[in-house]
C-alpha cells in the first residue's frame, strides 16, 4: 500500500504592498499625464497674457490726470445737483412719496467714483482684490475639474484601470489612492491659483495702481475668500473625478456637465425658480463670494415685492461637499461590484 502525498495548500494571494506604495504609484501616474501638463502650461500662458494686458490697459494717475478728473467729477456733481434742484421746484410727486424721495438725495463727490473720469483707469487692489480672488477661484475650479476628469478618464480609455487590479486587487484601496491624489492636487491647484492672483494684482498695483491705502479689514476678507476658493477648487476637482469614474469617459463626463449646467439648471431657473437654492452653480458661487449669494426666487403678484433667499457660505459649502461625496460614493460602490472588461 503506497501513501498518497497531499500537496501543500497554496498560500493565499495577497494584494500588493502597503497603501503608501499604491499612493506613490498613483502620484507618478498623475504626474505622467501629458494632457495635465498641457492644461497647466496653457493656464500659465493665460496668466502671463492677462498680466501683460493689465499692465498695458491700466495706467497710474499722474497729478495732472488726477486734477483733470477731479474737476470733471465736480462738474458732474454740480450738474446732477442742479437737476435735483429743478426737480424740487417743478415736480409733482405721487401722494405716497415726498418731494425728497421723488427727486432723490443730494449728490456728493463720494457718490461718484473718480475712476469714471480717468481713461485709462488705474488698477485698484482695494476695490477689486476680493472680486479677483473669486474669479481665480472659479478659474481654478474649472481647471481642477478638467484635471480630475482626465486623470481617471485616461485610466479607463487606456484600460490601465483593469491592469492595475492585477497588482492591487482591493478595489476600494485603488480608488482611495486616486481620490487622495486628486484631492491633494486640486488643493495645491487652488492655492497656486490664489497665489497667482496675489502676484498679478501685486504687479498691477505696483506699476499701474491707484496708490489707495487698503482698508483695515482687507486682508482678513481676502484670505477668507482665498481659503473658500481653495476648498471649492478641491471639491470641484473631486467632483470631476467622481463623475468621470461613473461614466468611464472624459468626453462623456464633460457632456453630462454641459447638459446639467446649460440645460437642466436653465430650465429650473425658468420653470421652478424656487428650486434655485439647490442648484450646484448657485451653491458654488455662494461658497466663493464673501457674503454668500442672494437669490430672487419669486415675486408677489400684487405688490411686486421679490422673495429672496440668502445662500450662505456654510450652507453652500456643505451642499457642494455632500454632492461630491455622493458622486464619489456611488462610484466606489459600482467600481467594487461591477465587472470590468
C-alpha atoms as a PDB file:
ATOM      1  CA  UNK A   1       0.000   0.000   0.000  1.00  0.00           C
ATOM      2  CA  UNK A   2       1.539   3.263  -1.075  1.00  0.00           C
ATOM      3  CA  UNK A   3       0.968   6.514   0.773  1.00  0.00           C
ATOM      4  CA  UNK A   4      -0.657   9.305  -1.137  1.00  0.00           C
ATOM      5  CA  UNK A   5       1.109  12.547  -0.560  1.00  0.00           C
ATOM      6  CA  UNK A   6      -1.192  15.539  -0.294  1.00  0.00           C
ATOM      7  CA  UNK A   7       0.216  18.622  -1.989  1.00  0.00           C
ATOM      8  CA  UNK A   8       0.646  21.609   0.315  1.00  0.00           C
ATOM      9  CA  UNK A   9      -2.013  24.277   0.217  1.00  0.00           C
ATOM     10  CA  UNK A  10      -1.197  27.221  -1.971  1.00  0.00           C
ATOM     11  CA  UNK A  11      -0.657  30.390   0.021  1.00  0.00           C
ATOM     12  CA  UNK A  12      -3.468  32.913  -0.181  1.00  0.00           C
ATOM     13  CA  UNK A  13      -2.957  35.575  -2.783  1.00  0.00           C
ATOM     14  CA  UNK A  14      -2.043  38.815  -1.133  1.00  0.00           C
ATOM     15  CA  UNK A  15      -2.578  42.200  -2.692  1.00  0.00           C
ATOM     16  CA  UNK A  16       0.495  44.217  -3.408  1.00  0.00           C
ATOM     17  CA  UNK A  17       2.221  46.228  -0.740  1.00  0.00           C
ATOM     18  CA  UNK A  18       1.141  48.913   1.612  1.00  0.00           C
ATOM     19  CA  UNK A  19      -1.192  51.759   0.856  1.00  0.00           C
ATOM     20  CA  UNK A  20       1.774  54.117   0.770  1.00  0.00           C
ATOM     21  CA  UNK A  21       3.253  52.230  -2.166  1.00  0.00           C
ATOM     22  CA  UNK A  22      -0.039  52.386  -4.020  1.00  0.00           C
ATOM     23  CA  UNK A  23      -0.284  56.097  -3.264  1.00  0.00           C
ATOM     24  CA  UNK A  24       3.234  56.679  -4.593  1.00  0.00           C
ATOM     25  CA  UNK A  25       2.382  54.822  -7.781  1.00  0.00           C
ATOM     26  CA  UNK A  26      -0.711  56.978  -8.271  1.00  0.00           C
ATOM     27  CA  UNK A  27       1.314  60.146  -7.758  1.00  0.00           C
ATOM     28  CA  UNK A  28       3.721  59.060 -10.501  1.00  0.00           C
ATOM     29  CA  UNK A  29       0.792  58.105 -12.701  1.00  0.00           C
ATOM     30  CA  UNK A  30      -0.807  61.520 -12.156  1.00  0.00           C
ATOM     31  CA  UNK A  31       2.431  63.387 -12.812  1.00  0.00           C
ATOM     32  CA  UNK A  32       2.963  61.468 -16.058  1.00  0.00           C
ATOM     33  CA  UNK A  33      -0.339  62.531 -17.652  1.00  0.00           C
ATOM     34  CA  UNK A  34       0.646  64.589 -20.691  1.00  0.00           C
ATOM     35  CA  UNK A  35      -2.745  66.249 -21.049  1.00  0.00           C
ATOM     36  CA  UNK A  36      -2.481  67.552 -17.479  1.00  0.00           C
ATOM     37  CA  UNK A  37       0.874  69.081 -18.431  1.00  0.00           C
ATOM     38  CA  UNK A  38      -0.772  70.767 -21.415  1.00  0.00           C
ATOM     39  CA  UNK A  39      -3.566  72.175 -19.247  1.00  0.00           C
ATOM     40  CA  UNK A  40      -1.111  73.597 -16.732  1.00  0.00           C
ATOM     41  CA  UNK A  41       1.063  75.144 -19.431  1.00  0.00           C
ATOM     42  CA  UNK A  42      -1.973  76.754 -21.063  1.00  0.00           C
ATOM     43  CA  UNK A  43      -3.077  78.098 -17.676  1.00  0.00           C
ATOM     44  CA  UNK A  44       0.375  79.599 -17.073  1.00  0.00           C
ATOM     45  CA  UNK A  45       0.403  81.199 -20.526  1.00  0.00           C
ATOM     46  CA  UNK A  46      -3.070  82.604 -19.909  1.00  0.00           C
ATOM     47  CA  UNK A  47      -1.928  84.102 -16.604  1.00  0.00           C
ATOM     48  CA  UNK A  48       1.074  85.732 -18.274  1.00  0.00           C
ATOM     49  CA  UNK A  49      -1.069  87.110 -21.100  1.00  0.00           C
ATOM     50  CA  UNK A  50      -3.653  88.617 -18.739  1.00  0.00           C
ATOM     51  CA  UNK A  51      -0.883  90.130 -16.611  1.00  0.00           C
ATOM     52  CA  UNK A  52       0.665  91.851 -19.626  1.00  0.00           C
ATOM     53  CA  UNK A  53      -2.744  93.043 -20.847  1.00  0.00           C
ATOM     54  CA  UNK A  54      -3.397  94.564 -17.435  1.00  0.00           C
ATOM     55  CA  UNK A  55      -0.041  96.325 -17.388  1.00  0.00           C
ATOM     56  CA  UNK A  56      -0.890  97.820 -20.766  1.00  0.00           C
ATOM     57  CA  UNK A  57      -4.569  98.534 -20.136  1.00  0.00           C
ATOM     58  CA  UNK A  58      -4.262 100.198 -16.729  1.00  0.00           C
ATOM     59  CA  UNK A  59      -2.318 103.395 -16.046  1.00  0.00           C
ATOM     60  CA  UNK A  60      -1.235 105.058 -12.813  1.00  0.00           C
ATOM     61  CA  UNK A  61      -2.763 108.521 -12.396  1.00  0.00           C
ATOM     62  CA  UNK A  62      -0.368 111.442 -12.731  1.00  0.00           C
ATOM     63  CA  UNK A  63      -1.027 114.655 -10.769  1.00  0.00           C
ATOM     64  CA  UNK A  64      -2.247 116.331 -13.956  1.00  0.00           C
ATOM     65  CA  UNK A  65      -4.677 113.493 -14.756  1.00  0.00           C
ATOM     66  CA  UNK A  66      -5.940 113.473 -11.169  1.00  0.00           C
ATOM     67  CA  UNK A  67      -6.581 117.200 -11.229  1.00  0.00           C
ATOM     68  CA  UNK A  68      -8.471 116.974 -14.516  1.00  0.00           C
ATOM     69  CA  UNK A  69     -10.502 114.019 -13.247  1.00  0.00           C
ATOM     70  CA  UNK A  70     -11.419 115.794 -10.014  1.00  0.00           C
ATOM     71  CA  UNK A  71     -12.537 118.868 -11.960  1.00  0.00           C
ATOM     72  CA  UNK A  72     -14.675 116.716 -14.286  1.00  0.00           C
ATOM     73  CA  UNK A  73     -16.197 114.938 -11.280  1.00  0.00           C
ATOM     74  CA  UNK A  74     -17.004 118.222  -9.580  1.00  0.00           C
ATOM     75  CA  UNK A  75     -18.736 119.441 -12.726  1.00  0.00           C
ATOM     76  CA  UNK A  76     -20.738 116.217 -12.935  1.00  0.00           C
ATOM     77  CA  UNK A  77     -21.814 116.508  -9.292  1.00  0.00           C
ATOM     78  CA  UNK A  78     -22.822 120.131  -9.844  1.00  0.00           C
ATOM     79  CA  UNK A  79     -24.914 119.201 -12.885  1.00  0.00           C
ATOM     80  CA  UNK A  80     -26.714 116.423 -11.013  1.00  0.00           C
ATOM     81  CA  UNK A  81     -27.498 118.705  -8.094  1.00  0.00           C
ATOM     82  CA  UNK A  82     -28.805 121.401 -10.451  1.00  0.00           C
ATOM     83  CA  UNK A  83     -31.133 118.801 -11.937  1.00  0.00           C
ATOM     84  CA  UNK A  84     -32.275 117.855  -8.438  1.00  0.00           C
ATOM     85  CA  UNK A  85     -32.988 121.491  -7.574  1.00  0.00           C
ATOM     86  CA  UNK A  86     -35.033 121.810 -10.757  1.00  0.00           C
ATOM     87  CA  UNK A  87     -36.952 118.677  -9.744  1.00  0.00           C
ATOM     88  CA  UNK A  88     -37.648 120.100  -6.291  1.00  0.00           C
ATOM     89  CA  UNK A  89     -39.071 123.274  -7.828  1.00  0.00           C
ATOM     90  CA  UNK A  90     -41.204 121.783 -10.584  1.00  0.00           C
ATOM     91  CA  UNK A  91     -42.016 118.150  -9.766  1.00  0.00           C
ATOM     92  CA  UNK A  92     -45.420 116.901  -8.607  1.00  0.00           C
ATOM     93  CA  UNK A  93     -44.687 113.548  -6.921  1.00  0.00           C
ATOM     94  CA  UNK A  94     -47.382 110.894  -6.253  1.00  0.00           C
ATOM     95  CA  UNK A  95     -49.243 111.071  -2.977  1.00  0.00           C
ATOM     96  CA  UNK A  96     -47.319 108.180  -1.440  1.00  0.00           C
ATOM     97  CA  UNK A  97     -43.918 109.846  -1.994  1.00  0.00           C
ATOM     98  CA  UNK A  98     -42.384 113.020  -0.596  1.00  0.00           C
ATOM     99  CA  UNK A  99     -40.643 115.526  -2.798  1.00  0.00           C
ATOM    100  CA  UNK A 100     -37.213 114.459  -1.481  1.00  0.00           C
ATOM    101  CA  UNK A 101     -37.983 110.805  -2.173  1.00  0.00           C
ATOM    102  CA  UNK A 102     -39.140 111.586  -5.699  1.00  0.00           C
ATOM    103  CA  UNK A 103     -36.117 113.727  -6.611  1.00  0.00           C
ATOM    104  CA  UNK A 104     -33.546 111.684  -4.719  1.00  0.00           C
ATOM    105  CA  UNK A 105     -30.810 112.750  -2.306  1.00  0.00           C
ATOM    106  CA  UNK A 106     -28.199 115.369  -2.978  1.00  0.00           C
ATOM    107  CA  UNK A 107     -25.157 114.054  -4.837  1.00  0.00           C
ATOM    108  CA  UNK A 108     -21.701 114.352  -3.279  1.00  0.00           C
ATOM    109  CA  UNK A 109     -18.268 113.613  -4.687  1.00  0.00           C
ATOM    110  CA  UNK A 110     -18.189 110.390  -2.630  1.00  0.00           C
ATOM    111  CA  UNK A 111     -21.124 109.111  -4.688  1.00  0.00           C
ATOM    112  CA  UNK A 112     -19.212 109.425  -7.971  1.00  0.00           C
ATOM    113  CA  UNK A 113     -16.046 107.294  -8.308  1.00  0.00           C
ATOM    114  CA  UNK A 114     -13.048 109.215  -9.570  1.00  0.00           C
ATOM    115  CA  UNK A 115     -12.122 106.299 -11.830  1.00  0.00           C
ATOM    116  CA  UNK A 116     -15.066 107.215 -14.068  1.00  0.00           C
ATOM    117  CA  UNK A 117     -13.103 110.248 -15.226  1.00  0.00           C
ATOM    118  CA  UNK A 118      -9.713 108.571 -15.655  1.00  0.00           C
ATOM    119  CA  UNK A 119      -9.010 106.972 -19.003  1.00  0.00           C
ATOM    120  CA  UNK A 120      -7.235 104.607 -18.865  1.00  0.00           C
ATOM    121  CA  UNK A 121      -8.167 103.960 -15.265  1.00  0.00           C
ATOM    122  CA  UNK A 122      -5.662 102.692 -12.698  1.00  0.00           C
ATOM    123  CA  UNK A 123      -5.931  99.282 -11.081  1.00  0.00           C
ATOM    124  CA  UNK A 124      -7.373  99.352  -7.572  1.00  0.00           C
ATOM    125  CA  UNK A 125      -6.413  96.485  -5.290  1.00  0.00           C
ATOM    126  CA  UNK A 126      -8.665  97.869  -2.566  1.00  0.00           C
ATOM    127  CA  UNK A 127     -11.707  97.845  -4.855  1.00  0.00           C
ATOM    128  CA  UNK A 128     -11.021  94.759  -6.994  1.00  0.00           C
ATOM    129  CA  UNK A 129      -8.893  92.484  -4.813  1.00  0.00           C
ATOM    130  CA  UNK A 130     -11.776  90.391  -3.456  1.00  0.00           C
ATOM    131  CA  UNK A 131     -13.505  90.104  -6.833  1.00  0.00           C
ATOM    132  CA  UNK A 132     -10.254  88.932  -8.391  1.00  0.00           C
ATOM    133  CA  UNK A 133      -9.837  86.214  -5.761  1.00  0.00           C
ATOM    134  CA  UNK A 134     -13.366  84.997  -6.521  1.00  0.00           C
ATOM    135  CA  UNK A 135     -12.640  84.986 -10.267  1.00  0.00           C
ATOM    136  CA  UNK A 136      -9.458  82.966  -9.787  1.00  0.00           C
ATOM    137  CA  UNK A 137     -11.388  80.536  -7.585  1.00  0.00           C
ATOM    138  CA  UNK A 138     -13.770  79.949 -10.480  1.00  0.00           C
ATOM    139  CA  UNK A 139     -10.923  79.555 -12.982  1.00  0.00           C
ATOM    140  CA  UNK A 140      -9.044  77.192 -10.669  1.00  0.00           C
ATOM    141  CA  UNK A 141     -12.199  75.127 -10.146  1.00  0.00           C
ATOM    142  CA  UNK A 142     -12.729  74.677 -13.888  1.00  0.00           C
ATOM    143  CA  UNK A 143      -9.103  73.634 -14.307  1.00  0.00           C
ATOM    144  CA  UNK A 144      -9.346  71.219 -11.356  1.00  0.00           C
ATOM    145  CA  UNK A 145     -12.495  69.656 -12.838  1.00  0.00           C
ATOM    146  CA  UNK A 146     -10.671  69.013 -16.113  1.00  0.00           C
ATOM    147  CA  UNK A 147      -7.595  67.645 -14.335  1.00  0.00           C
ATOM    148  CA  UNK A 148      -9.622  65.278 -12.155  1.00  0.00           C
ATOM    149  CA  UNK A 149     -11.725  64.152 -15.085  1.00  0.00           C
ATOM    150  CA  UNK A 150      -8.853  63.477 -17.466  1.00  0.00           C
ATOM    151  CA  UNK A 151      -6.830  61.656 -14.784  1.00  0.00           C
ATOM    152  CA  UNK A 152      -9.359  58.874 -14.256  1.00  0.00           C
ATOM    153  CA  UNK A 153     -10.748  59.120 -17.792  1.00  0.00           C
ATOM    154  CA  UNK A 154      -7.356  58.216 -19.204  1.00  0.00           C
ATOM    155  CA  UNK A 155      -7.252  55.203 -16.883  1.00  0.00           C
ATOM    156  CA  UNK A 156     -10.476  53.895 -18.408  1.00  0.00           C
ATOM    157  CA  UNK A 157      -9.692  54.760 -22.024  1.00  0.00           C
ATOM    158  CA  UNK A 158      -6.280  53.047 -21.936  1.00  0.00           C
ATOM    159  CA  UNK A 159      -7.649  50.130 -19.857  1.00  0.00           C
ATOM    160  CA  UNK A 160      -4.851  50.598 -17.343  1.00  0.00           C
ATOM    161  CA  UNK A 161      -7.510  50.556 -14.638  1.00  0.00           C
ATOM    162  CA  UNK A 162      -8.121  46.863 -15.320  1.00  0.00           C
ATOM    163  CA  UNK A 163      -4.404  46.112 -15.474  1.00  0.00           C
ATOM    164  CA  UNK A 164      -3.870  47.881 -12.155  1.00  0.00           C
ATOM    165  CA  UNK A 165      -6.225  45.436 -10.434  1.00  0.00           C
ATOM    166  CA  UNK A 166      -3.845  42.557 -11.192  1.00  0.00           C
ATOM    167  CA  UNK A 167      -1.325  44.280  -8.945  1.00  0.00           C
ATOM    168  CA  UNK A 168      -3.747  45.592  -6.295  1.00  0.00           C
ATOM    169  CA  UNK A 169      -6.931  43.526  -6.108  1.00  0.00           C
ATOM    170  CA  UNK A 170      -8.636  45.540  -3.387  1.00  0.00           C
ATOM    171  CA  UNK A 171     -10.656  47.917  -5.489  1.00  0.00           C
ATOM    172  CA  UNK A 172     -11.661  50.426  -2.782  1.00  0.00           C
ATOM    173  CA  UNK A 173      -7.969  50.948  -1.984  1.00  0.00           C
ATOM    174  CA  UNK A 174      -7.286  51.696  -5.637  1.00  0.00           C
ATOM    175  CA  UNK A 175      -9.952  54.377  -5.780  1.00  0.00           C
ATOM    176  CA  UNK A 176      -8.986  55.710  -2.358  1.00  0.00           C
ATOM    177  CA  UNK A 177      -5.425  56.279  -3.567  1.00  0.00           C
ATOM    178  CA  UNK A 178      -6.629  58.009  -6.721  1.00  0.00           C
ATOM    179  CA  UNK A 179      -9.078  60.180  -4.765  1.00  0.00           C
ATOM    180  CA  UNK A 180      -6.352  61.185  -2.326  1.00  0.00           C
ATOM    181  CA  UNK A 181      -4.051  62.217  -5.177  1.00  0.00           C
ATOM    182  CA  UNK A 182      -6.790  64.229  -6.906  1.00  0.00           C
ATOM    183  CA  UNK A 183      -7.785  65.910  -3.621  1.00  0.00           C
ATOM    184  CA  UNK A 184      -4.228  66.999  -2.852  1.00  0.00           C
ATOM    185  CA  UNK A 185      -3.560  68.054  -6.444  1.00  0.00           C
ATOM    186  CA  UNK A 186      -6.785  70.093  -6.562  1.00  0.00           C
ATOM    187  CA  UNK A 187      -5.989  71.767  -3.236  1.00  0.00           C
ATOM    188  CA  UNK A 188      -2.493  72.653  -4.453  1.00  0.00           C
ATOM    189  CA  UNK A 189      -4.012  73.979  -7.668  1.00  0.00           C
ATOM    190  CA  UNK A 190      -6.390  76.136  -5.614  1.00  0.00           C
ATOM    191  CA  UNK A 191      -3.511  77.545  -3.572  1.00  0.00           C
ATOM    192  CA  UNK A 192      -1.487  78.232  -6.723  1.00  0.00           C
ATOM    193  CA  UNK A 193      -4.489  79.982  -8.299  1.00  0.00           C
ATOM    194  CA  UNK A 194      -4.831  82.324  -5.322  1.00  0.00           C
ATOM    195  CA  UNK A 195      -1.075  82.926  -5.252  1.00  0.00           C
ATOM    196  CA  UNK A 196      -1.227  83.722  -8.967  1.00  0.00           C
ATOM    197  CA  UNK A 197      -3.898  86.338  -8.301  1.00  0.00           C
ATOM    198  CA  UNK A 198      -1.846  87.896  -5.500  1.00  0.00           C
ATOM    199  CA  UNK A 199       1.184  88.047  -7.804  1.00  0.00           C
ATOM    200  CA  UNK A 200      -0.825  89.526 -10.668  1.00  0.00           C
ATOM    201  CA  UNK A 201      -2.629  92.096  -8.556  1.00  0.00           C
ATOM    202  CA  UNK A 202       0.625  92.978  -6.773  1.00  0.00           C
ATOM    203  CA  UNK A 203       2.314  93.713 -10.092  1.00  0.00           C
ATOM    204  CA  UNK A 204      -0.622  95.782 -11.263  1.00  0.00           C
ATOM    205  CA  UNK A 205      -0.816  97.720  -8.015  1.00  0.00           C
ATOM    206  CA  UNK A 206       2.939  98.397  -8.038  1.00  0.00           C
ATOM    207  CA  UNK A 207       3.192  99.587 -11.647  1.00  0.00           C
ATOM    208  CA  UNK A 208      -0.289 100.786 -12.689  1.00  0.00           C
ATOM    209  CA  UNK A 209      -2.147 101.008  -9.371  1.00  0.00           C
ATOM    210  CA  UNK A 210      -4.093 103.852  -7.846  1.00  0.00           C
ATOM    211  CA  UNK A 211      -1.959 104.042  -4.699  1.00  0.00           C
ATOM    212  CA  UNK A 212      -5.015 103.975  -2.419  1.00  0.00           C
ATOM    213  CA  UNK A 213      -4.370 102.608   1.071  1.00  0.00           C
ATOM    214  CA  UNK A 214      -6.015  99.264   1.782  1.00  0.00           C
ATOM    215  CA  UNK A 215      -8.811  99.210   4.376  1.00  0.00           C
ATOM    216  CA  UNK A 216      -8.154  97.531   7.704  1.00  0.00           C
ATOM    217  CA  UNK A 217     -10.358  94.512   7.013  1.00  0.00           C
ATOM    218  CA  UNK A 218      -8.985  93.914   3.514  1.00  0.00           C
ATOM    219  CA  UNK A 219      -6.507  91.132   4.238  1.00  0.00           C
ATOM    220  CA  UNK A 220      -8.756  89.068   6.540  1.00  0.00           C
ATOM    221  CA  UNK A 221     -11.539  89.214   3.963  1.00  0.00           C
ATOM    222  CA  UNK A 222      -9.171  88.397   1.110  1.00  0.00           C
ATOM    223  CA  UNK A 223      -7.635  85.438   2.958  1.00  0.00           C
ATOM    224  CA  UNK A 224     -11.092  84.152   3.861  1.00  0.00           C
ATOM    225  CA  UNK A 225     -12.166  84.377   0.228  1.00  0.00           C
ATOM    226  CA  UNK A 226      -8.972  82.643  -0.886  1.00  0.00           C
ATOM    227  CA  UNK A 227      -9.468  79.853   1.652  1.00  0.00           C
ATOM    228  CA  UNK A 228     -13.005  79.200   0.441  1.00  0.00           C
ATOM    229  CA  UNK A 229     -11.679  79.290  -3.113  1.00  0.00           C
ATOM    230  CA  UNK A 230      -9.178  76.534  -2.292  1.00  0.00           C
ATOM    231  CA  UNK A 231     -11.989  74.467  -0.737  1.00  0.00           C
ATOM    232  CA  UNK A 232     -14.180  74.995  -3.802  1.00  0.00           C
ATOM    233  CA  UNK A 233     -11.350  74.036  -6.160  1.00  0.00           C
ATOM    234  CA  UNK A 234     -10.718  70.843  -4.182  1.00  0.00           C
ATOM    235  CA  UNK A 235     -14.376  69.811  -4.184  1.00  0.00           C
ATOM    236  CA  UNK A 236     -14.849  70.551  -7.885  1.00  0.00           C
ATOM    237  CA  UNK A 237     -11.720  68.569  -8.768  1.00  0.00           C
ATOM    238  CA  UNK A 238     -13.077  65.587  -6.824  1.00  0.00           C
ATOM    239  CA  UNK A 239     -16.462  66.040  -8.474  1.00  0.00           C
ATOM    240  CA  UNK A 240     -14.861  65.890 -11.914  1.00  0.00           C
ATOM    241  CA  UNK A 241     -13.017  62.736 -10.904  1.00  0.00           C
ATOM    242  CA  UNK A 242     -16.152  61.102  -9.470  1.00  0.00           C
ATOM    243  CA  UNK A 243     -18.366  61.952 -12.425  1.00  0.00           C
ATOM    244  CA  UNK A 244     -15.832  60.657 -14.943  1.00  0.00           C
ATOM    245  CA  UNK A 245     -15.338  57.480 -12.929  1.00  0.00           C
ATOM    246  CA  UNK A 246     -19.079  56.862 -13.146  1.00  0.00           C
ATOM    247  CA  UNK A 247     -19.333  57.230 -16.916  1.00  0.00           C
ATOM    248  CA  UNK A 248     -15.798  55.891 -17.626  1.00  0.00           C
ATOM    249  CA  UNK A 249     -15.076  58.520 -20.266  1.00  0.00           C
ATOM    250  CA  UNK A 250     -13.778  62.078 -20.047  1.00  0.00           C
ATOM    251  CA  UNK A 251     -15.782  63.323 -23.029  1.00  0.00           C
ATOM    252  CA  UNK A 252     -18.974  61.775 -21.682  1.00  0.00           C
ATOM    253  CA  UNK A 253     -18.392  63.410 -18.296  1.00  0.00           C
ATOM    254  CA  UNK A 254     -17.940  66.807 -19.929  1.00  0.00           C
ATOM    255  CA  UNK A 255     -21.126  66.194 -21.925  1.00  0.00           C
ATOM    256  CA  UNK A 256     -23.055  65.358 -18.764  1.00  0.00           C
ATOM    257  CA  UNK A 257     -21.713  68.505 -17.141  1.00  0.00           C
ATOM    258  CA  UNK A 258     -22.724  70.629 -20.129  1.00  0.00           C
ATOM    259  CA  UNK A 259     -26.264  69.216 -20.168  1.00  0.00           C
ATOM    260  CA  UNK A 260     -26.639  69.817 -16.432  1.00  0.00           C
ATOM    261  CA  UNK A 261     -25.272  73.359 -16.331  1.00  0.00           C
ATOM    262  CA  UNK A 262     -26.548  74.648 -19.690  1.00  0.00           C
ATOM    263  CA  UNK A 263     -29.872  72.827 -19.964  1.00  0.00           C
ATOM    264  CA  UNK A 264     -31.123  71.482 -16.654  1.00  0.00           C
ATOM    265  CA  UNK A 265     -30.190  74.448 -14.483  1.00  0.00           C
ATOM    266  CA  UNK A 266     -31.546  76.901 -17.058  1.00  0.00           C
ATOM    267  CA  UNK A 267     -34.837  75.004 -17.134  1.00  0.00           C
ATOM    268  CA  UNK A 268     -35.054  75.019 -13.333  1.00  0.00           C
ATOM    269  CA  UNK A 269     -34.471  78.773 -13.188  1.00  0.00           C
ATOM    270  CA  UNK A 270     -37.303  79.325 -15.659  1.00  0.00           C
ATOM    271  CA  UNK A 271     -39.826  76.702 -14.561  1.00  0.00           C
ATOM    272  CA  UNK A 272     -39.060  76.253 -10.852  1.00  0.00           C
ATOM    273  CA  UNK A 273     -37.175  79.335  -9.624  1.00  0.00           C
ATOM    274  CA  UNK A 274     -37.891  78.359  -6.000  1.00  0.00           C
ATOM    275  CA  UNK A 275     -35.520  75.399  -6.505  1.00  0.00           C
ATOM    276  CA  UNK A 276     -32.558  77.676  -7.212  1.00  0.00           C
ATOM    277  CA  UNK A 277     -31.008  77.260  -3.731  1.00  0.00           C
ATOM    278  CA  UNK A 278     -30.405  73.608  -4.672  1.00  0.00           C
ATOM    279  CA  UNK A 279     -28.580  74.283  -7.923  1.00  0.00           C
ATOM    280  CA  UNK A 280     -24.910  73.357  -7.924  1.00  0.00           C
ATOM    281  CA  UNK A 281     -23.671  76.524  -9.640  1.00  0.00           C
ATOM    282  CA  UNK A 282     -25.519  78.753  -7.176  1.00  0.00           C
ATOM    283  CA  UNK A 283     -24.003  76.907  -4.232  1.00  0.00           C
ATOM    284  CA  UNK A 284     -20.529  77.008  -5.771  1.00  0.00           C
ATOM    285  CA  UNK A 285     -20.912  80.758  -6.320  1.00  0.00           C
ATOM    286  CA  UNK A 286     -22.223  81.281  -2.789  1.00  0.00           C
ATOM    287  CA  UNK A 287     -19.234  79.395  -1.374  1.00  0.00           C
ATOM    288  CA  UNK A 288     -16.810  81.680  -3.189  1.00  0.00           C
ATOM    289  CA  UNK A 289     -18.457  85.048  -2.507  1.00  0.00           C
ATOM    290  CA  UNK A 290     -17.649  86.754   0.817  1.00  0.00           C
ATOM    291  CA  UNK A 291     -21.282  87.293   1.835  1.00  0.00           C
ATOM    292  CA  UNK A 292     -22.857  84.325   0.079  1.00  0.00           C
ATOM    293  CA  UNK A 293     -25.375  84.644  -2.730  1.00  0.00           C
ATOM    294  CA  UNK A 294     -28.764  86.380  -2.621  1.00  0.00           C
ATOM    295  CA  UNK A 295     -31.228  84.654  -4.953  1.00  0.00           C
ATOM    296  CA  UNK A 296     -34.572  86.023  -6.088  1.00  0.00           C
ATOM    297  CA  UNK A 297     -36.923  83.039  -6.108  1.00  0.00           C
ATOM    298  CA  UNK A 298     -40.302  84.696  -6.716  1.00  0.00           C
ATOM    299  CA  UNK A 299     -42.271  87.959  -6.947  1.00  0.00           C
ATOM    300  CA  UNK A 300     -45.507  88.836  -5.202  1.00  0.00           C
ATOM    301  CA  UNK A 301     -48.127  89.157  -7.936  1.00  0.00           C
ATOM    302  CA  UNK A 302     -49.915  92.005  -6.148  1.00  0.00           C
ATOM    303  CA  UNK A 303     -47.130  94.116  -4.632  1.00  0.00           C
ATOM    304  CA  UNK A 304     -44.315  93.142  -6.972  1.00  0.00           C
ATOM    305  CA  UNK A 305     -42.004  92.615  -3.993  1.00  0.00           C
ATOM    306  CA  UNK A 306     -39.337  89.961  -4.605  1.00  0.00           C
ATOM    307  CA  UNK A 307     -38.899  86.872  -2.460  1.00  0.00           C
ATOM    308  CA  UNK A 308     -35.194  86.470  -1.783  1.00  0.00           C
ATOM    309  CA  UNK A 309     -33.174  83.593  -0.380  1.00  0.00           C
ATOM    310  CA  UNK A 310     -29.727  84.199   1.092  1.00  0.00           C
ATOM    311  CA  UNK A 311     -27.441  81.257   0.399  1.00  0.00           C
ATOM    312  CA  UNK A 312     -24.648  81.487   2.969  1.00  0.00           C
ATOM    313  CA  UNK A 313     -21.076  80.199   2.779  1.00  0.00           C
ATOM    314  CA  UNK A 314     -21.580  77.369   5.273  1.00  0.00           C
ATOM    315  CA  UNK A 315     -24.773  76.053   3.703  1.00  0.00           C
ATOM    316  CA  UNK A 316     -23.263  76.222   0.220  1.00  0.00           C
ATOM    317  CA  UNK A 317     -20.062  74.501   1.305  1.00  0.00           C
ATOM    318  CA  UNK A 318     -21.957  71.660   2.965  1.00  0.00           C
ATOM    319  CA  UNK A 319     -24.166  71.218  -0.097  1.00  0.00           C
ATOM    320  CA  UNK A 320     -21.243  71.035  -2.557  1.00  0.00           C
ATOM    321  CA  UNK A 321     -19.370  68.674  -0.226  1.00  0.00           C
ATOM    322  CA  UNK A 322     -22.391  66.364   0.109  1.00  0.00           C
ATOM    323  CA  UNK A 323     -22.953  66.258  -3.669  1.00  0.00           C
ATOM    324  CA  UNK A 324     -19.273  65.460  -4.208  1.00  0.00           C
ATOM    325  CA  UNK A 325     -19.324  62.749  -1.528  1.00  0.00           C
ATOM    326  CA  UNK A 326     -22.438  61.154  -3.024  1.00  0.00           C
ATOM    327  CA  UNK A 327     -20.938  61.037  -6.531  1.00  0.00           C
ATOM    328  CA  UNK A 328     -17.673  59.587  -5.197  1.00  0.00           C
ATOM    329  CA  UNK A 329     -19.533  57.098  -3.001  1.00  0.00           C
ATOM    330  CA  UNK A 330     -21.666  55.797  -5.860  1.00  0.00           C
ATOM    331  CA  UNK A 331     -18.543  55.444  -7.972  1.00  0.00           C
ATOM    332  CA  UNK A 332     -16.745  53.451  -5.279  1.00  0.00           C
ATOM    333  CA  UNK A 333     -19.736  51.100  -4.809  1.00  0.00           C
ATOM    334  CA  UNK A 334     -20.142  50.460  -8.535  1.00  0.00           C
ATOM    335  CA  UNK A 335     -16.419  50.055  -9.062  1.00  0.00           C
ATOM    336  CA  UNK A 336     -16.276  47.486  -6.285  1.00  0.00           C
ATOM    337  CA  UNK A 337     -19.193  45.420  -7.591  1.00  0.00           C
ATOM    338  CA  UNK A 338     -19.448  45.594 -11.340  1.00  0.00           C
ATOM    339  CA  UNK A 339     -17.494  43.542 -13.828  1.00  0.00           C
ATOM    340  CA  UNK A 340     -14.677  45.252 -15.661  1.00  0.00           C
ATOM    341  CA  UNK A 341     -13.953  44.448 -19.268  1.00  0.00           C
END
